[in-house]
Amino acid sequence: MIGFIKKDLAMIKSNFKLLGVLMVVYAIMGFMDKMDISFILPFMCVMIMISSFSYDNYNKWDAYSISLPNGRKNSVKSKYITTIFMTLMVAIITTLLSFIISYVNTQTIPYEQILVTMFGTVFGTLLVLTIMYPIIYKFGVEKARIGIFLLVFGIVMIGSLLASYIDLSNVLKFLSFLEDYLIIIFIIIAIIMVYGSYKISENIFRKKEF
């Protein structure tokens, strides 16, 4: 398992520079009190990890990995673990940067606001992961991009339709009722989503022929 994770990190290490540049850009824009791009950084981890699927395909890695002990299972598991690890690390660094920027600009640190924003970003990133990875394992990176676009477009359309028919005030009242438990609820939902997505991807990859 450790070897699979090291392989994924080695393949995408050149992209770490991109994350570093984006963090610098975020810091500069933050100190200049411009647009907040902190929410973009964790999402970039998923985008970068998707490139590792292309590397695997180009180097015929999947055909080799299945010959290793527990190769199919570890290959899928390493993708999820590496992506989640990168997302959490970037989220922590971004949160610390947000604290520093806020303190320098206003001499105050809105801990709750920053943490809630970053928590929501991490949850959204995990949601994207849980949707995209099974599609990639099923159809491959190139075909999956079209499917992902259609899926995201469909979600936006459905969300817009639901918003026009649902009384949002009732939703907000319900959320305020659960306010003290929202973080726990979202953590449980995130764990269920990721685990379910992982099992689907594992099942797809286990049946795949190379």
N, C-alpha and C. Protein backbone atom coordinates (compact mmCIF):
# COMPACT_ATOMS: atom_id res chain seq x y z
N MET A 1 0.82 -1.21 0.00
CA MET A 1 0.00 0.00 0.00
C MET A 1 0.86 1.27 0.00
N ILE A 2 1.89 1.32 0.88
CA ILE A 2 2.76 2.49 0.96
C ILE A 2 3.43 2.74 -0.39
N GLY A 3 3.82 1.63 -1.05
CA GLY A 3 4.47 1.76 -2.35
C GLY A 3 3.55 2.38 -3.39
N PHE A 4 2.28 2.03 -3.36
CA PHE A 4 1.29 2.59 -4.30
C PHE A 4 1.13 4.10 -4.06
N ILE A 5 1.09 4.48 -2.79
CA ILE A 5 0.93 5.90 -2.45
C ILE A 5 2.16 6.69 -2.89
N LYS A 6 3.36 6.12 -2.62
CA LYS A 6 4.59 6.79 -3.04
C LYS A 6 4.63 6.96 -4.56
N LYS A 7 4.14 5.94 -5.27
CA LYS A 7 4.11 6.01 -6.73
C LYS A 7 3.23 7.16 -7.19
N ASP A 8 2.04 7.31 -6.58
CA ASP A 8 1.12 8.39 -6.97
C ASP A 8 1.74 9.75 -6.68
N LEU A 9 2.36 9.88 -5.51
CA LEU A 9 2.98 11.15 -5.14
C LEU A 9 4.15 11.48 -6.06
N ALA A 10 4.93 10.45 -6.45
CA ALA A 10 6.07 10.67 -7.33
C ALA A 10 5.61 11.15 -8.71
N MET A 11 4.49 10.61 -9.19
CA MET A 11 3.99 10.98 -10.52
C MET A 11 3.49 12.41 -10.58
N ILE A 12 2.96 12.90 -9.46
CA ILE A 12 2.35 14.24 -9.49
C ILE A 12 3.21 15.29 -8.79
N LYS A 13 4.44 14.92 -8.42
CA LYS A 13 5.27 15.86 -7.65
C LYS A 13 5.55 17.15 -8.41
N SER A 14 5.59 17.06 -9.74
CA SER A 14 5.83 18.28 -10.53
C SER A 14 4.67 19.26 -10.39
N ASN A 15 3.49 18.74 -10.06
CA ASN A 15 2.31 19.60 -9.89
C ASN A 15 2.29 20.31 -8.54
N PHE A 16 3.15 19.88 -7.62
CA PHE A 16 3.22 20.54 -6.32
C PHE A 16 3.64 21.99 -6.49
N LYS A 17 4.46 22.25 -7.52
CA LYS A 17 4.88 23.63 -7.78
C LYS A 17 3.67 24.50 -8.11
N LEU A 18 2.72 23.92 -8.87
CA LEU A 18 1.50 24.66 -9.21
C LEU A 18 0.73 25.02 -7.94
N LEU A 19 0.60 24.06 -7.02
CA LEU A 19 -0.08 24.34 -5.76
C LEU A 19 0.65 25.43 -4.98
N GLY A 20 1.98 25.35 -5.00
CA GLY A 20 2.77 26.37 -4.30
C GLY A 20 2.55 27.75 -4.89
N VAL A 21 2.53 27.83 -6.22
CA VAL A 21 2.29 29.11 -6.89
C VAL A 21 0.91 29.65 -6.56
N LEU A 22 -0.10 28.77 -6.56
CA LEU A 22 -1.47 29.19 -6.25
C LEU A 22 -1.57 29.69 -4.81
N MET A 23 -0.84 29.06 -3.91
CA MET A 23 -0.85 29.52 -2.52
C MET A 23 -0.23 30.90 -2.40
N VAL A 24 0.85 31.12 -3.15
CA VAL A 24 1.49 32.45 -3.14
C VAL A 24 0.53 33.49 -3.71
N VAL A 25 -0.14 33.14 -4.82
CA VAL A 25 -1.11 34.05 -5.44
C VAL A 25 -2.23 34.36 -4.45
N TYR A 26 -2.71 33.30 -3.77
CA TYR A 26 -3.78 33.50 -2.78
C TYR A 26 -3.32 34.44 -1.67
N ALA A 27 -2.09 34.24 -1.19
CA ALA A 27 -1.57 35.08 -0.11
C ALA A 27 -1.47 36.54 -0.56
N ILE A 28 -0.94 36.75 -1.77
CA ILE A 28 -0.80 38.12 -2.29
C ILE A 28 -2.17 38.78 -2.44
N MET A 29 -3.12 38.05 -3.03
CA MET A 29 -4.47 38.60 -3.22
C MET A 29 -5.14 38.85 -1.88
N GLY A 30 -4.86 37.99 -0.91
CA GLY A 30 -5.43 38.17 0.42
C GLY A 30 -4.91 39.41 1.09
N PHE A 31 -3.60 39.63 1.02
CA PHE A 31 -3.00 40.81 1.65
C PHE A 31 -3.44 42.09 0.94
N MET A 32 -3.76 41.97 -0.37
CA MET A 32 -4.25 43.13 -1.12
C MET A 32 -5.76 43.29 -0.98
N ASP A 33 -6.37 42.40 -0.20
CA ASP A 33 -7.82 42.42 0.05
C ASP A 33 -8.61 42.27 -1.24
N LYS A 34 -8.11 41.39 -2.13
CA LYS A 34 -8.80 41.10 -3.37
C LYS A 34 -9.65 39.84 -3.20
N MET A 35 -10.06 39.23 -4.31
CA MET A 35 -10.93 38.07 -4.29
C MET A 35 -10.31 36.91 -3.52
N ASP A 36 -11.12 36.23 -2.75
CA ASP A 36 -10.68 35.07 -1.97
C ASP A 36 -10.71 33.83 -2.86
N ILE A 37 -9.54 33.24 -3.08
CA ILE A 37 -9.47 32.03 -3.91
C ILE A 37 -9.10 30.80 -3.08
N SER A 38 -9.23 30.90 -1.76
CA SER A 38 -8.82 29.80 -0.88
C SER A 38 -9.60 28.52 -1.17
N PHE A 39 -10.86 28.67 -1.62
CA PHE A 39 -11.69 27.49 -1.87
C PHE A 39 -11.20 26.70 -3.08
N ILE A 40 -10.41 27.34 -3.95
CA ILE A 40 -9.94 26.67 -5.16
C ILE A 40 -8.84 25.66 -4.84
N LEU A 41 -8.02 25.96 -3.84
CA LEU A 41 -6.81 25.17 -3.59
C LEU A 41 -7.10 23.70 -3.28
N PRO A 42 -8.01 23.37 -2.34
CA PRO A 42 -8.30 21.94 -2.12
C PRO A 42 -8.86 21.25 -3.36
N PHE A 43 -9.69 21.95 -4.14
CA PHE A 43 -10.23 21.36 -5.36
C PHE A 43 -9.12 21.01 -6.35
N MET A 44 -8.04 21.79 -6.34
CA MET A 44 -6.93 21.53 -7.24
C MET A 44 -6.29 20.17 -6.96
N CYS A 45 -6.37 19.71 -5.70
CA CYS A 45 -5.80 18.41 -5.36
C CYS A 45 -6.47 17.30 -6.14
N VAL A 46 -7.80 17.36 -6.25
CA VAL A 46 -8.52 16.36 -7.03
C VAL A 46 -8.14 16.46 -8.49
N MET A 47 -8.07 17.68 -9.02
CA MET A 47 -7.72 17.86 -10.42
C MET A 47 -6.32 17.32 -10.72
N ILE A 48 -5.39 17.56 -9.79
CA ILE A 48 -4.03 17.07 -9.97
C ILE A 48 -4.00 15.55 -9.91
N MET A 49 -4.74 14.97 -8.98
CA MET A 49 -4.76 13.52 -8.86
C MET A 49 -5.38 12.85 -10.08
N ILE A 50 -6.32 13.53 -10.73
CA ILE A 50 -6.92 12.97 -11.94
C ILE A 50 -5.86 12.78 -13.02
N SER A 51 -4.85 13.68 -13.03
CA SER A 51 -3.78 13.53 -14.01
C SER A 51 -3.00 12.24 -13.80
N SER A 52 -2.97 11.73 -12.56
CA SER A 52 -2.24 10.49 -12.29
C SER A 52 -2.90 9.30 -12.99
N PHE A 53 -4.21 9.38 -13.23
CA PHE A 53 -4.88 8.32 -13.98
C PHE A 53 -4.35 8.27 -15.42
N SER A 54 -4.11 9.45 -15.99
CA SER A 54 -3.56 9.51 -17.36
C SER A 54 -2.16 8.94 -17.39
N TYR A 55 -1.35 9.26 -16.36
CA TYR A 55 0.00 8.70 -16.28
C TYR A 55 -0.05 7.18 -16.16
N ASP A 56 -0.96 6.69 -15.34
CA ASP A 56 -1.10 5.24 -15.18
C ASP A 56 -1.43 4.57 -16.51
N ASN A 57 -2.35 5.19 -17.24
CA ASN A 57 -2.77 4.63 -18.52
C ASN A 57 -1.63 4.65 -19.54
N TYR A 58 -0.90 5.75 -19.57
CA TYR A 58 0.21 5.89 -20.52
C TYR A 58 1.32 4.88 -20.23
N ASN A 59 1.60 4.63 -18.97
CA ASN A 59 2.69 3.74 -18.58
C ASN A 59 2.23 2.30 -18.36
N LYS A 60 0.96 2.00 -18.71
CA LYS A 60 0.41 0.65 -18.56
C LYS A 60 0.53 0.15 -17.11
N TRP A 61 0.36 1.08 -16.17
CA TRP A 61 0.53 0.73 -14.76
C TRP A 61 -0.53 -0.25 -14.28
N ASP A 62 -1.77 -0.05 -14.69
CA ASP A 62 -2.86 -0.89 -14.19
C ASP A 62 -2.63 -2.36 -14.53
N ALA A 63 -2.15 -2.62 -15.75
CA ALA A 63 -1.89 -4.00 -16.16
C ALA A 63 -0.80 -4.63 -15.31
N TYR A 64 0.16 -3.80 -14.88
CA TYR A 64 1.24 -4.31 -14.01
C TYR A 64 0.76 -4.46 -12.57
N SER A 65 -0.02 -3.49 -12.09
CA SER A 65 -0.42 -3.49 -10.68
C SER A 65 -1.27 -4.70 -10.30
N ILE A 66 -2.05 -5.22 -11.26
CA ILE A 66 -2.92 -6.34 -10.92
C ILE A 66 -2.14 -7.63 -10.69
N SER A 67 -0.86 -7.63 -11.10
CA SER A 67 -0.03 -8.81 -10.86
C SER A 67 0.58 -8.81 -9.46
N LEU A 68 0.47 -7.69 -8.75
CA LEU A 68 1.01 -7.56 -7.40
C LEU A 68 0.00 -8.09 -6.38
N PRO A 69 0.47 -8.49 -5.19
CA PRO A 69 -0.46 -8.95 -4.14
C PRO A 69 -1.46 -7.85 -3.78
N ASN A 70 -2.74 -8.18 -3.84
CA ASN A 70 -3.81 -7.20 -3.57
C ASN A 70 -3.67 -5.96 -4.46
N GLY A 71 -3.15 -6.17 -5.67
CA GLY A 71 -2.85 -5.04 -6.54
C GLY A 71 -4.06 -4.21 -6.91
N ARG A 72 -5.16 -4.86 -7.26
CA ARG A 72 -6.35 -4.11 -7.65
C ARG A 72 -6.88 -3.28 -6.48
N LYS A 73 -6.97 -3.90 -5.32
CA LYS A 73 -7.51 -3.22 -4.15
C LYS A 73 -6.60 -2.06 -3.72
N ASN A 74 -5.30 -2.32 -3.66
CA ASN A 74 -4.37 -1.28 -3.21
C ASN A 74 -4.25 -0.14 -4.21
N SER A 75 -4.40 -0.45 -5.49
CA SER A 75 -4.32 0.58 -6.52
C SER A 75 -5.43 1.61 -6.35
N VAL A 76 -6.64 1.11 -6.10
CA VAL A 76 -7.79 2.01 -5.90
C VAL A 76 -7.67 2.73 -4.56
N LYS A 77 -7.32 1.99 -3.53
CA LYS A 77 -7.25 2.58 -2.19
C LYS A 77 -6.22 3.70 -2.14
N SER A 78 -5.09 3.50 -2.82
CA SER A 78 -4.02 4.52 -2.79
C SER A 78 -4.48 5.83 -3.42
N LYS A 79 -5.31 5.74 -4.47
CA LYS A 79 -5.83 6.95 -5.12
C LYS A 79 -6.66 7.77 -4.12
N TYR A 80 -7.54 7.08 -3.42
CA TYR A 80 -8.41 7.76 -2.45
C TYR A 80 -7.60 8.32 -1.28
N ILE A 81 -6.71 7.51 -0.73
CA ILE A 81 -5.92 7.96 0.43
C ILE A 81 -5.04 9.15 0.05
N THR A 82 -4.38 9.07 -1.10
CA THR A 82 -3.49 10.16 -1.52
C THR A 82 -4.28 11.45 -1.75
N THR A 83 -5.41 11.34 -2.40
CA THR A 83 -6.24 12.53 -2.68
C THR A 83 -6.74 13.16 -1.39
N ILE A 84 -7.25 12.34 -0.48
CA ILE A 84 -7.77 12.86 0.79
C ILE A 84 -6.64 13.48 1.61
N PHE A 85 -5.48 12.81 1.65
CA PHE A 85 -4.33 13.34 2.39
C PHE A 85 -3.91 14.70 1.84
N MET A 86 -3.77 14.80 0.51
CA MET A 86 -3.39 16.07 -0.10
C MET A 86 -4.42 17.16 0.17
N THR A 87 -5.69 16.81 0.06
CA THR A 87 -6.76 17.78 0.28
C THR A 87 -6.71 18.33 1.70
N LEU A 88 -6.54 17.45 2.68
CA LEU A 88 -6.51 17.88 4.08
C LEU A 88 -5.27 18.73 4.36
N MET A 89 -4.11 18.33 3.82
CA MET A 89 -2.88 19.10 4.04
C MET A 89 -3.00 20.50 3.46
N VAL A 90 -3.51 20.58 2.22
CA VAL A 90 -3.68 21.89 1.57
C VAL A 90 -4.70 22.73 2.33
N ALA A 91 -5.78 22.09 2.82
CA ALA A 91 -6.81 22.81 3.57
C ALA A 91 -6.24 23.38 4.87
N ILE A 92 -5.39 22.60 5.55
CA ILE A 92 -4.78 23.07 6.80
C ILE A 92 -3.85 24.26 6.53
N ILE A 93 -3.00 24.13 5.49
CA ILE A 93 -2.08 25.23 5.15
C ILE A 93 -2.86 26.48 4.75
N THR A 94 -3.91 26.29 3.95
CA THR A 94 -4.73 27.42 3.51
C THR A 94 -5.43 28.09 4.69
N THR A 95 -5.90 27.29 5.63
CA THR A 95 -6.55 27.84 6.82
C THR A 95 -5.58 28.68 7.63
N LEU A 96 -4.36 28.18 7.81
CA LEU A 96 -3.34 28.94 8.55
C LEU A 96 -3.01 30.25 7.82
N LEU A 97 -2.92 30.18 6.48
CA LEU A 97 -2.68 31.38 5.70
C LEU A 97 -3.82 32.39 5.87
N SER A 98 -5.05 31.87 5.91
CA SER A 98 -6.22 32.74 6.09
C SER A 98 -6.18 33.43 7.45
N PHE A 99 -5.77 32.70 8.47
CA PHE A 99 -5.63 33.30 9.80
C PHE A 99 -4.62 34.46 9.76
N ILE A 100 -3.47 34.21 9.14
CA ILE A 100 -2.41 35.22 9.07
C ILE A 100 -2.86 36.44 8.28
N ILE A 101 -3.45 36.19 7.11
CA ILE A 101 -3.92 37.29 6.26
C ILE A 101 -4.96 38.13 6.99
N SER A 102 -5.91 37.47 7.64
CA SER A 102 -6.96 38.18 8.36
C SER A 102 -6.38 39.02 9.49
N TYR A 103 -5.42 38.47 10.20
CA TYR A 103 -4.83 39.20 11.33
C TYR A 103 -4.03 40.42 10.84
N VAL A 104 -3.27 40.23 9.76
CA VAL A 104 -2.47 41.34 9.23
C VAL A 104 -3.37 42.45 8.71
N ASN A 105 -4.47 42.08 8.07
CA ASN A 105 -5.35 43.09 7.45
C ASN A 105 -6.28 43.76 8.45
N THR A 106 -6.77 43.01 9.44
CA THR A 106 -7.80 43.56 10.34
C THR A 106 -7.45 43.47 11.82
N GLN A 107 -6.31 42.86 12.15
CA GLN A 107 -5.91 42.63 13.54
C GLN A 107 -6.91 41.75 14.31
N THR A 108 -7.74 41.05 13.58
CA THR A 108 -8.67 40.08 14.18
C THR A 108 -8.66 38.81 13.34
N ILE A 109 -9.07 37.71 13.96
CA ILE A 109 -9.13 36.44 13.25
C ILE A 109 -10.53 35.84 13.43
N PRO A 110 -11.36 35.87 12.39
CA PRO A 110 -12.70 35.27 12.48
C PRO A 110 -12.60 33.74 12.34
N TYR A 111 -12.19 33.12 13.45
CA TYR A 111 -11.93 31.68 13.42
C TYR A 111 -13.11 30.88 12.86
N GLU A 112 -14.30 31.17 13.38
CA GLU A 112 -15.46 30.38 13.00
C GLU A 112 -15.76 30.51 11.52
N GLN A 113 -15.72 31.73 11.00
CA GLN A 113 -16.02 31.96 9.59
C GLN A 113 -15.02 31.24 8.68
N ILE A 114 -13.74 31.35 9.00
CA ILE A 114 -12.70 30.72 8.18
C ILE A 114 -12.82 29.21 8.24
N LEU A 115 -13.02 28.67 9.44
CA LEU A 115 -13.09 27.21 9.59
C LEU A 115 -14.32 26.64 8.90
N VAL A 116 -15.46 27.34 9.01
CA VAL A 116 -16.68 26.86 8.35
C VAL A 116 -16.51 26.88 6.83
N THR A 117 -15.90 27.95 6.32
CA THR A 117 -15.66 28.06 4.88
C THR A 117 -14.76 26.93 4.39
N MET A 118 -13.68 26.68 5.12
CA MET A 118 -12.75 25.64 4.70
C MET A 118 -13.35 24.25 4.87
N PHE A 119 -14.15 24.08 5.93
CA PHE A 119 -14.82 22.79 6.12
C PHE A 119 -15.78 22.51 4.96
N GLY A 120 -16.51 23.54 4.56
CA GLY A 120 -17.43 23.38 3.42
C GLY A 120 -16.68 23.09 2.14
N THR A 121 -15.50 23.71 1.97
CA THR A 121 -14.69 23.47 0.78
C THR A 121 -14.19 22.03 0.74
N VAL A 122 -13.72 21.53 1.90
CA VAL A 122 -13.24 20.15 1.97
C VAL A 122 -14.38 19.18 1.68
N PHE A 123 -15.56 19.47 2.24
CA PHE A 123 -16.72 18.60 2.00
C PHE A 123 -17.07 18.60 0.51
N GLY A 124 -17.06 19.77 -0.11
CA GLY A 124 -17.35 19.87 -1.54
C GLY A 124 -16.31 19.14 -2.37
N THR A 125 -15.04 19.22 -1.96
CA THR A 125 -13.97 18.52 -2.67
C THR A 125 -14.17 17.01 -2.59
N LEU A 126 -14.53 16.52 -1.40
CA LEU A 126 -14.78 15.09 -1.23
C LEU A 126 -15.99 14.64 -2.05
N LEU A 127 -16.98 15.52 -2.16
CA LEU A 127 -18.15 15.21 -2.98
C LEU A 127 -17.75 15.03 -4.44
N VAL A 128 -16.90 15.94 -4.93
CA VAL A 128 -16.41 15.84 -6.30
C VAL A 128 -15.63 14.53 -6.48
N LEU A 129 -14.79 14.20 -5.52
CA LEU A 129 -14.00 12.96 -5.57
C LEU A 129 -14.91 11.75 -5.67
N THR A 130 -15.92 11.71 -4.82
CA THR A 130 -16.80 10.53 -4.77
C THR A 130 -17.58 10.34 -6.07
N ILE A 131 -17.83 11.42 -6.77
CA ILE A 131 -18.56 11.33 -8.05
C ILE A 131 -17.61 10.98 -9.19
N MET A 132 -16.45 11.62 -9.22
CA MET A 132 -15.56 11.52 -10.36
C MET A 132 -14.81 10.20 -10.45
N TYR A 133 -14.32 9.70 -9.31
CA TYR A 133 -13.45 8.53 -9.38
C TYR A 133 -14.14 7.28 -9.92
N PRO A 134 -15.35 6.94 -9.46
CA PRO A 134 -16.01 5.77 -10.07
C PRO A 134 -16.23 5.93 -11.57
N ILE A 135 -16.55 7.15 -12.01
CA ILE A 135 -16.75 7.39 -13.44
C ILE A 135 -15.45 7.18 -14.20
N ILE A 136 -14.34 7.65 -13.64
CA ILE A 136 -13.04 7.47 -14.28
C ILE A 136 -12.67 6.00 -14.37
N TYR A 137 -12.90 5.27 -13.28
CA TYR A 137 -12.57 3.84 -13.30
C TYR A 137 -13.45 3.08 -14.30
N LYS A 138 -14.66 3.56 -14.48
CA LYS A 138 -15.58 2.88 -15.39
C LYS A 138 -15.28 3.20 -16.86
N PHE A 139 -15.06 4.46 -17.16
CA PHE A 139 -14.97 4.88 -18.56
C PHE A 139 -13.59 5.38 -18.98
N GLY A 140 -12.68 5.57 -18.04
CA GLY A 140 -11.38 6.15 -18.38
C GLY A 140 -11.42 7.66 -18.28
N VAL A 141 -10.25 8.28 -18.24
CA VAL A 141 -10.16 9.73 -18.00
C VAL A 141 -10.82 10.53 -19.11
N GLU A 142 -10.50 10.20 -20.36
CA GLU A 142 -10.98 11.01 -21.48
C GLU A 142 -12.51 10.99 -21.58
N LYS A 143 -13.09 9.79 -21.57
CA LYS A 143 -14.54 9.68 -21.66
C LYS A 143 -15.21 10.23 -20.40
N ALA A 144 -14.53 10.07 -19.27
CA ALA A 144 -15.11 10.51 -17.99
C ALA A 144 -15.27 12.03 -17.96
N ARG A 145 -14.38 12.75 -18.63
CA ARG A 145 -14.47 14.21 -18.61
C ARG A 145 -15.79 14.68 -19.19
N ILE A 146 -16.24 14.04 -20.26
CA ILE A 146 -17.53 14.40 -20.86
C ILE A 146 -18.66 14.04 -19.90
N GLY A 147 -18.57 12.84 -19.31
CA GLY A 147 -19.60 12.41 -18.37
C GLY A 147 -19.67 13.29 -17.15
N ILE A 148 -18.49 13.71 -16.67
CA ILE A 148 -18.43 14.57 -15.49
C ILE A 148 -19.07 15.93 -15.79
N PHE A 149 -18.77 16.47 -16.99
CA PHE A 149 -19.36 17.75 -17.39
C PHE A 149 -20.88 17.65 -17.42
N LEU A 150 -21.38 16.58 -18.03
CA LEU A 150 -22.83 16.39 -18.11
C LEU A 150 -23.44 16.20 -16.72
N LEU A 151 -22.72 15.48 -15.87
CA LEU A 151 -23.22 15.23 -14.52
C LEU A 151 -23.30 16.53 -13.72
N VAL A 152 -22.22 17.32 -13.78
CA VAL A 152 -22.21 18.60 -13.05
C VAL A 152 -23.30 19.52 -13.59
N PHE A 153 -23.44 19.57 -14.92
CA PHE A 153 -24.48 20.39 -15.54
C PHE A 153 -25.86 19.94 -15.08
N GLY A 154 -26.05 18.61 -15.01
CA GLY A 154 -27.33 18.06 -14.55
C GLY A 154 -27.62 18.41 -13.11
N ILE A 155 -26.58 18.34 -12.26
CA ILE A 155 -26.76 18.67 -10.84
C ILE A 155 -27.16 20.13 -10.68
N VAL A 156 -26.49 21.01 -11.46
CA VAL A 156 -26.81 22.44 -11.39
C VAL A 156 -28.25 22.69 -11.83
N MET A 157 -28.66 22.03 -12.90
CA MET A 157 -30.02 22.20 -13.41
C MET A 157 -31.06 21.70 -12.41
N ILE A 158 -30.80 20.52 -11.84
CA ILE A 158 -31.72 19.96 -10.85
C ILE A 158 -31.78 20.85 -9.61
N GLY A 159 -30.59 21.34 -9.20
CA GLY A 159 -30.55 22.24 -8.04
C GLY A 159 -31.34 23.51 -8.28
N SER A 160 -31.24 24.06 -9.50
CA SER A 160 -31.98 25.28 -9.83
C SER A 160 -33.49 25.03 -9.81
N LEU A 161 -33.90 23.88 -10.36
CA LEU A 161 -35.33 23.54 -10.37
C LEU A 161 -35.87 23.34 -8.95
N LEU A 162 -35.09 22.63 -8.14
CA LEU A 162 -35.52 22.39 -6.75
C LEU A 162 -35.62 23.71 -5.98
N ALA A 163 -34.65 24.60 -6.23
CA ALA A 163 -34.64 25.89 -5.52
C ALA A 163 -35.88 26.71 -5.86
N SER A 164 -36.41 26.53 -7.07
CA SER A 164 -37.58 27.32 -7.46
C SER A 164 -38.88 26.75 -6.86
N TYR A 165 -38.85 25.50 -6.41
CA TYR A 165 -40.06 24.88 -5.86
C TYR A 165 -40.01 24.68 -4.35
N ILE A 166 -38.82 24.71 -3.78
CA ILE A 166 -38.68 24.47 -2.34
C ILE A 166 -38.62 25.80 -1.60
N ASP A 167 -39.32 25.85 -0.49
CA ASP A 167 -39.28 27.05 0.36
C ASP A 167 -37.98 27.04 1.15
N LEU A 168 -37.03 27.89 0.73
CA LEU A 168 -35.71 27.89 1.35
C LEU A 168 -35.76 28.32 2.82
N SER A 169 -36.76 29.09 3.19
CA SER A 169 -36.86 29.52 4.59
C SER A 169 -37.05 28.33 5.51
N ASN A 170 -37.84 27.35 5.05
CA ASN A 170 -38.02 26.13 5.86
C ASN A 170 -36.73 25.33 5.96
N VAL A 171 -35.98 25.31 4.86
CA VAL A 171 -34.69 24.60 4.88
C VAL A 171 -33.74 25.27 5.86
N LEU A 172 -33.70 26.60 5.84
CA LEU A 172 -32.82 27.33 6.76
C LEU A 172 -33.23 27.12 8.21
N LYS A 173 -34.54 27.07 8.46
CA LYS A 173 -35.01 26.81 9.83
C LYS A 173 -34.58 25.42 10.29
N PHE A 174 -34.66 24.46 9.37
CA PHE A 174 -34.26 23.09 9.71
C PHE A 174 -32.76 23.02 9.99
N LEU A 175 -31.97 23.73 9.16
CA LEU A 175 -30.52 23.73 9.36
C LEU A 175 -30.13 24.42 10.65
N SER A 176 -30.85 25.50 10.99
CA SER A 176 -30.56 26.20 12.24
C SER A 176 -30.88 25.32 13.44
N PHE A 177 -31.91 24.47 13.29
CA PHE A 177 -32.28 23.53 14.35
C PHE A 177 -31.15 22.51 14.57
N LEU A 178 -30.47 22.14 13.47
CA LEU A 178 -29.39 21.15 13.56
C LEU A 178 -28.01 21.79 13.68
N GLU A 179 -27.97 23.10 13.91
CA GLU A 179 -26.71 23.84 13.87
C GLU A 179 -25.63 23.23 14.75
N ASP A 180 -25.99 22.82 15.95
CA ASP A 180 -25.00 22.28 16.88
C ASP A 180 -24.46 20.93 16.44
N TYR A 181 -25.14 20.29 15.51
CA TYR A 181 -24.72 18.94 15.09
C TYR A 181 -24.28 18.89 13.63
N LEU A 182 -24.26 20.05 12.95
CA LEU A 182 -23.98 20.06 11.51
C LEU A 182 -22.61 19.48 11.18
N ILE A 183 -21.59 19.86 11.94
CA ILE A 183 -20.25 19.38 11.63
C ILE A 183 -20.18 17.87 11.76
N ILE A 184 -20.75 17.33 12.83
CA ILE A 184 -20.75 15.88 13.02
C ILE A 184 -21.52 15.19 11.90
N ILE A 185 -22.68 15.76 11.55
CA ILE A 185 -23.51 15.19 10.48
C ILE A 185 -22.75 15.17 9.16
N PHE A 186 -22.08 16.30 8.83
CA PHE A 186 -21.35 16.38 7.57
C PHE A 186 -20.15 15.43 7.56
N ILE A 187 -19.49 15.27 8.70
CA ILE A 187 -18.36 14.34 8.78
C ILE A 187 -18.84 12.92 8.52
N ILE A 188 -19.97 12.56 9.13
CA ILE A 188 -20.53 11.21 8.93
C ILE A 188 -20.93 11.02 7.47
N ILE A 189 -21.59 12.04 6.89
CA ILE A 189 -22.00 11.96 5.48
C ILE A 189 -20.77 11.81 4.59
N ALA A 190 -19.70 12.59 4.89
CA ALA A 190 -18.48 12.55 4.08
C ALA A 190 -17.84 11.16 4.14
N ILE A 191 -17.79 10.57 5.32
CA ILE A 191 -17.21 9.23 5.48
C ILE A 191 -18.01 8.21 4.68
N ILE A 192 -19.33 8.30 4.78
CA ILE A 192 -20.20 7.37 4.04
C ILE A 192 -20.02 7.54 2.54
N MET A 193 -19.96 8.81 2.08
CA MET A 193 -19.79 9.09 0.65
C MET A 193 -18.49 8.51 0.13
N VAL A 194 -17.40 8.80 0.84
CA VAL A 194 -16.08 8.36 0.38
C VAL A 194 -15.98 6.84 0.39
N TYR A 195 -16.47 6.23 1.46
CA TYR A 195 -16.39 4.77 1.56
C TYR A 195 -17.24 4.11 0.45
N GLY A 196 -18.45 4.64 0.24
CA GLY A 196 -19.32 4.11 -0.81
C GLY A 196 -18.68 4.25 -2.18
N SER A 197 -18.09 5.43 -2.44
CA SER A 197 -17.43 5.66 -3.72
C SER A 197 -16.25 4.72 -3.89
N TYR A 198 -15.48 4.54 -2.83
CA TYR A 198 -14.32 3.64 -2.88
C TYR A 198 -14.74 2.21 -3.20
N LYS A 199 -15.79 1.74 -2.57
CA LYS A 199 -16.24 0.36 -2.81
C LYS A 199 -16.74 0.20 -4.24
N ILE A 200 -17.42 1.23 -4.76
CA ILE A 200 -17.89 1.18 -6.16
C ILE A 200 -16.70 1.13 -7.12
N SER A 201 -15.71 2.00 -6.87
CA SER A 201 -14.52 2.03 -7.72
C SER A 201 -13.75 0.71 -7.64
N GLU A 202 -13.63 0.18 -6.43
CA GLU A 202 -12.93 -1.09 -6.24
C GLU A 202 -13.63 -2.21 -7.01
N ASN A 203 -14.94 -2.22 -6.92
CA ASN A 203 -15.72 -3.25 -7.61
C ASN A 203 -15.56 -3.14 -9.14
N ILE A 204 -15.57 -1.91 -9.64
CA ILE A 204 -15.40 -1.68 -11.08
C ILE A 204 -14.01 -2.13 -11.52
N PHE A 205 -12.99 -1.74 -10.76
CA PHE A 205 -11.60 -2.05 -11.12
C PHE A 205 -11.32 -3.55 -11.00
N ARG A 206 -11.97 -4.19 -10.03
CA ARG A 206 -11.76 -5.62 -9.82
C ARG A 206 -12.26 -6.43 -11.02
N LYS A 207 -13.28 -5.94 -11.69
CA LYS A 207 -13.87 -6.66 -12.82
C LYS A 207 -13.27 -6.24 -14.17
N LYS A 208 -12.39 -5.25 -14.13
CA LYS A 208 -11.86 -4.71 -15.37
C LYS A 208 -10.80 -5.64 -15.96
N GLU A 209 -10.81 -5.75 -17.29
CA GLU A 209 -9.85 -6.60 -17.99
C GLU A 209 -8.77 -5.71 -18.62
N PHE A 210 -7.52 -6.20 -18.60
CA PHE A 210 -6.41 -5.45 -19.18
C PHE A 210 -5.64 -6.33 -20.17
